[in-house]
Amino acid sequence: MPTDADNKRQAARDVIDILEDISKILNTNLNRTELSLCVSLIENGVNPDALAAVIKDLRKEAATVNRGQ
């Protein structure tokens, strides 16, 4: 019989599965680990808009660095 902890882990996996599907539809290029980290940050009080802005800035910076190589 599954414990409460097992049920919570399964629920978390289900949420990440759904977020991964949405991420693919929206072409965010975020993998499961990155999505999990984003969820964790947001659950711990990080502003979602600020997080999205940081991700966009990091991607722009990475693209600039990659073009320079």
Protein backbone atom coordinates (compact mmCIF):
# COMPACT_ATOMS: atom_id res chain seq x y z
CA MET A 1 0.00 0.00 0.00
CA PRO A 2 1.49 3.36 -1.01
CA THR A 3 2.41 5.76 1.77
CA ASP A 4 1.65 9.47 1.85
CA ALA A 5 5.25 10.16 0.81
CA ASP A 6 4.87 7.83 -2.18
CA ASN A 7 1.63 9.56 -3.17
CA LYS A 8 3.28 12.99 -2.93
CA ARG A 9 6.23 11.85 -5.07
CA GLN A 10 3.86 10.45 -7.68
CA ALA A 11 1.82 13.66 -7.67
CA ALA A 12 5.02 15.68 -8.15
CA ARG A 13 6.02 13.45 -11.08
CA ASP A 14 2.56 13.89 -12.60
CA VAL A 15 2.86 17.68 -12.32
CA ILE A 16 6.28 17.65 -13.98
CA ASP A 17 4.90 15.38 -16.74
CA ILE A 18 2.16 17.92 -17.44
CA LEU A 19 4.57 20.85 -17.29
CA GLU A 20 6.92 19.02 -19.66
CA ASP A 21 4.06 18.56 -22.14
CA ILE A 22 3.17 22.25 -21.88
CA SER A 23 6.83 23.18 -22.22
CA LYS A 24 7.10 21.18 -25.45
CA ILE A 25 3.94 22.76 -26.86
CA LEU A 26 5.28 26.23 -26.05
CA ASN A 27 8.76 25.32 -27.32
CA THR A 28 10.49 26.55 -24.15
CA ASN A 29 13.39 24.10 -24.48
CA LEU A 30 13.30 23.42 -20.74
CA ASN A 31 14.01 19.83 -19.73
CA ARG A 32 12.47 18.00 -16.77
CA THR A 33 15.30 18.97 -14.43
CA GLU A 34 15.07 22.63 -15.39
CA LEU A 35 11.30 22.58 -15.00
CA SER A 36 11.64 20.98 -11.57
CA LEU A 37 14.13 23.64 -10.53
CA CYS A 38 11.82 26.40 -11.75
CA VAL A 39 8.89 24.93 -9.83
CA SER A 40 11.03 24.65 -6.70
CA LEU A 41 12.22 28.24 -7.01
CA ILE A 42 8.67 29.52 -7.50
CA GLU A 43 7.40 27.44 -4.57
CA ASN A 44 10.12 29.07 -2.46
CA GLY A 45 9.03 32.58 -3.30
CA VAL A 46 10.87 33.53 -6.49
CA ASN A 47 8.81 35.82 -8.70
CA PRO A 48 7.84 33.82 -11.84
CA ASP A 49 8.16 36.88 -14.10
CA ALA A 50 11.63 37.62 -12.76
CA LEU A 51 12.63 33.97 -13.21
CA ALA A 52 11.42 34.01 -16.82
CA ALA A 53 13.39 37.21 -17.45
CA VAL A 54 16.56 35.67 -16.03
CA ILE A 55 16.14 32.55 -18.16
CA LYS A 56 15.68 34.69 -21.28
CA ASP A 57 18.75 36.78 -20.41
CA LEU A 58 20.87 33.69 -19.81
CA ARG A 59 19.80 32.22 -23.14
CA LYS A 60 20.67 35.45 -24.95
CA GLU A 61 24.06 35.54 -23.24
CA ALA A 62 24.72 31.89 -24.11
CA ALA A 63 23.77 32.53 -27.74
CA THR A 64 26.15 35.50 -27.86
CA VAL A 65 28.98 33.44 -26.39
CA ASN A 66 28.30 30.55 -28.78
CA ARG A 67 28.34 32.89 -31.79
CA GLY A 68 31.73 34.22 -30.70
CA GLN A 69 33.33 30.78 -30.73
